[in-house]
Amino acid sequence: MIILNEKNFKDEVESSDKLCVIDLYADWCGPCRMLAPVLEELEAEYPDVKFCKVNVDNEPAIARMFKVESIPLVALVKNNTYVDMSVGFVPKSSLIKLIEENK
């Protein structure tokens, strides 16, 4: 999983032609820690999708860009366009549906 920051965001997300699934999380967040292994499983199952993560405490500018109010927030970006999102812990099946709808 690619760790995003202000320096690599443009190269990794804005310039990507792949669907990017971005996990906006915090280390202290219990639901975020529950979601992390689910996203790691999905990363292995979807090699054609780019999986990234952003620690909102370390990268407040990126958190503001996505208007993060609650975490975990999973944002989907394709062709530099914010296409969908999921807030809170959700089951793997819900994330699969989001990915399939936006690939």
C-alpha atoms as a PDB file:
ATOM      1  CA  MET A   1       0.000   0.000   0.000  1.00  0.00           C
ATOM      2  CA  ILE A   2       1.357   3.394  -0.965  1.00  0.00           C
ATOM      3  CA  ILE A   3       1.709   5.923   1.859  1.00  0.00           C
ATOM      4  CA  LEU A   4       0.554   9.284   0.502  1.00  0.00           C
ATOM      5  CA  ASN A   5       1.823  12.699   1.515  1.00  0.00           C
ATOM      6  CA  GLU A   6       1.755  16.174   0.009  1.00  0.00           C
ATOM      7  CA  LYS A   7       4.970  15.475  -1.933  1.00  0.00           C
ATOM      8  CA  ASN A   8       3.849  12.301  -3.727  1.00  0.00           C
ATOM      9  CA  PHE A   9       0.072  12.872  -3.982  1.00  0.00           C
ATOM     10  CA  LYS A  10       0.199  14.378  -7.472  1.00  0.00           C
ATOM     11  CA  ASP A  11       2.393  11.611  -8.912  1.00  0.00           C
ATOM     12  CA  GLU A  12       0.580   8.747  -7.202  1.00  0.00           C
ATOM     13  CA  VAL A  13      -3.060   9.887  -7.466  1.00  0.00           C
ATOM     14  CA  GLU A  14      -3.601  12.903  -9.706  1.00  0.00           C
ATOM     15  CA  SER A  15      -1.412  11.508 -12.514  1.00  0.00           C
ATOM     16  CA  SER A  16      -2.661   7.929 -12.226  1.00  0.00           C
ATOM     17  CA  ASP A  17      -4.866   6.347 -14.872  1.00  0.00           C
ATOM     18  CA  LYS A  18      -5.867   3.570 -12.436  1.00  0.00           C
ATOM     19  CA  LEU A  19      -8.659   3.675  -9.913  1.00  0.00           C
ATOM     20  CA  CYS A  20      -7.102   4.797  -6.619  1.00  0.00           C
ATOM     21  CA  VAL A  21      -8.607   3.578  -3.356  1.00  0.00           C
ATOM     22  CA  ILE A  22      -7.406   5.907  -0.615  1.00  0.00           C
ATOM     23  CA  ASP A  23      -7.722   4.999   3.059  1.00  0.00           C
ATOM     24  CA  LEU A  24      -7.799   8.163   5.171  1.00  0.00           C
ATOM     25  CA  TYR A  25      -7.134   7.022   8.719  1.00  0.00           C
ATOM     26  CA  ALA A  26      -5.499   7.785  12.073  1.00  0.00           C
ATOM     27  CA  ASP A  27      -3.357   5.477  14.206  1.00  0.00           C
ATOM     28  CA  TRP A  28      -5.557   6.043  17.276  1.00  0.00           C
ATOM     29  CA  CYS A  29      -8.804   5.127  15.448  1.00  0.00           C
ATOM     30  CA  GLY A  30     -10.186   1.671  16.311  1.00  0.00           C
ATOM     31  CA  PRO A  31     -12.432   1.315  13.233  1.00  0.00           C
ATOM     32  CA  CYS A  32      -9.466   2.398  11.079  1.00  0.00           C
ATOM     33  CA  ARG A  33      -7.368  -0.443  12.518  1.00  0.00           C
ATOM     34  CA  MET A  34     -10.239  -2.869  11.815  1.00  0.00           C
ATOM     35  CA  LEU A  35     -10.497  -1.702   8.199  1.00  0.00           C
ATOM     36  CA  ALA A  36      -6.759  -1.900   7.410  1.00  0.00           C
ATOM     37  CA  PRO A  37      -6.561  -5.717   6.958  1.00  0.00           C
ATOM     38  CA  VAL A  38      -9.693  -5.666   4.781  1.00  0.00           C
ATOM     39  CA  LEU A  39      -8.057  -3.135   2.458  1.00  0.00           C
ATOM     40  CA  GLU A  40      -4.863  -5.215   2.396  1.00  0.00           C
ATOM     41  CA  GLU A  41      -6.908  -8.245   1.278  1.00  0.00           C
ATOM     42  CA  LEU A  42      -8.561  -6.166  -1.449  1.00  0.00           C
ATOM     43  CA  GLU A  43      -5.193  -4.877  -2.614  1.00  0.00           C
ATOM     44  CA  ALA A  44      -4.098  -8.476  -3.228  1.00  0.00           C
ATOM     45  CA  GLU A  45      -7.368  -9.256  -5.047  1.00  0.00           C
ATOM     46  CA  TYR A  46      -7.337  -6.146  -7.290  1.00  0.00           C
ATOM     47  CA  PRO A  47      -3.857  -5.738  -8.814  1.00  0.00           C
ATOM     48  CA  ASP A  48      -5.287  -3.305 -11.396  1.00  0.00           C
ATOM     49  CA  VAL A  49      -6.355  -0.877  -8.631  1.00  0.00           C
ATOM     50  CA  LYS A  50      -3.936   1.378  -6.740  1.00  0.00           C
ATOM     51  CA  PHE A  51      -4.360   1.228  -2.948  1.00  0.00           C
ATOM     52  CA  CYS A  52      -3.052   4.126  -0.884  1.00  0.00           C
ATOM     53  CA  LYS A  53      -3.323   5.399   2.665  1.00  0.00           C
ATOM     54  CA  VAL A  54      -3.146   8.809   4.296  1.00  0.00           C
ATOM     55  CA  ASN A  55      -2.636   9.414   8.003  1.00  0.00           C
ATOM     56  CA  VAL A  56      -4.932  12.422   8.510  1.00  0.00           C
ATOM     57  CA  ASP A  57      -2.979  13.562  11.580  1.00  0.00           C
ATOM     58  CA  ASN A  58       0.240  13.767   9.548  1.00  0.00           C
ATOM     59  CA  GLU A  59      -1.316  15.111   6.337  1.00  0.00           C
ATOM     60  CA  PRO A  60      -3.986  17.687   7.263  1.00  0.00           C
ATOM     61  CA  ALA A  61      -3.900  19.320   3.797  1.00  0.00           C
ATOM     62  CA  ILE A  62      -4.910  16.048   2.131  1.00  0.00           C
ATOM     63  CA  ALA A  63      -7.588  15.489   4.800  1.00  0.00           C
ATOM     64  CA  ARG A  64      -8.994  18.943   4.005  1.00  0.00           C
ATOM     65  CA  MET A  65      -8.935  18.174   0.280  1.00  0.00           C
ATOM     66  CA  PHE A  66     -11.264  15.222   0.923  1.00  0.00           C
ATOM     67  CA  LYS A  67     -13.307  17.174   3.504  1.00  0.00           C
ATOM     68  CA  VAL A  68     -12.700  14.488   6.120  1.00  0.00           C
ATOM     69  CA  GLU A  69     -15.102  14.816   9.043  1.00  0.00           C
ATOM     70  CA  SER A  70     -15.146  11.178  10.168  1.00  0.00           C
ATOM     71  CA  ILE A  71     -12.667   8.354   9.792  1.00  0.00           C
ATOM     72  CA  PRO A  72     -12.033   5.900   8.396  1.00  0.00           C
ATOM     73  CA  LEU A  73     -12.914   7.448   5.081  1.00  0.00           C
ATOM     74  CA  VAL A  74     -12.195   5.479   1.922  1.00  0.00           C
ATOM     75  CA  ALA A  75     -12.064   7.750  -1.111  1.00  0.00           C
ATOM     76  CA  LEU A  76     -12.092   6.525  -4.696  1.00  0.00           C
ATOM     77  CA  VAL A  77     -10.339   8.671  -7.284  1.00  0.00           C
ATOM     78  CA  LYS A  78     -10.172   7.926 -11.003  1.00  0.00           C
ATOM     79  CA  ASN A  79      -8.599  10.104 -13.688  1.00  0.00           C
ATOM     80  CA  ASN A  80      -8.019  12.808 -11.061  1.00  0.00           C
ATOM     81  CA  THR A  81     -11.743  12.871 -10.211  1.00  0.00           C
ATOM     82  CA  TYR A  82     -13.203  12.049  -6.792  1.00  0.00           C
ATOM     83  CA  VAL A  83     -15.773   9.405  -7.813  1.00  0.00           C
ATOM     84  CA  ASP A  84     -17.056   7.824  -4.603  1.00  0.00           C
ATOM     85  CA  MET A  85     -16.450   7.315  -0.905  1.00  0.00           C
ATOM     86  CA  SER A  86     -17.278   5.219   2.122  1.00  0.00           C
ATOM     87  CA  VAL A  87     -17.241   6.496   5.711  1.00  0.00           C
ATOM     88  CA  GLY A  88     -16.755   4.342   8.784  1.00  0.00           C
ATOM     89  CA  PHE A  89     -16.009   0.660   9.031  1.00  0.00           C
ATOM     90  CA  VAL A  90     -17.853  -1.253   6.333  1.00  0.00           C
ATOM     91  CA  PRO A  91     -17.751  -4.938   5.376  1.00  0.00           C
ATOM     92  CA  LYS A  92     -15.491  -6.137   2.603  1.00  0.00           C
ATOM     93  CA  SER A  93     -18.514  -6.780   0.365  1.00  0.00           C
ATOM     94  CA  SER A  94     -19.423  -3.069   0.462  1.00  0.00           C
ATOM     95  CA  LEU A  95     -15.935  -2.064  -0.601  1.00  0.00           C
ATOM     96  CA  ILE A  96     -15.938  -4.653  -3.401  1.00  0.00           C
ATOM     97  CA  LYS A  97     -19.187  -3.152  -4.678  1.00  0.00           C
ATOM     98  CA  LEU A  98     -17.671   0.351  -4.656  1.00  0.00           C
ATOM     99  CA  ILE A  99     -14.565  -0.805  -6.494  1.00  0.00           C
ATOM    100  CA  GLU A 100     -16.533  -2.769  -9.093  1.00  0.00           C
ATOM    101  CA  GLU A 101     -18.863   0.175  -9.749  1.00  0.00           C
ATOM    102  CA  ASN A 102     -15.960   2.556 -10.323  1.00  0.00           C
ATOM    103  CA  LYS A 103     -13.267   0.490 -12.078  1.00  0.00           C
END
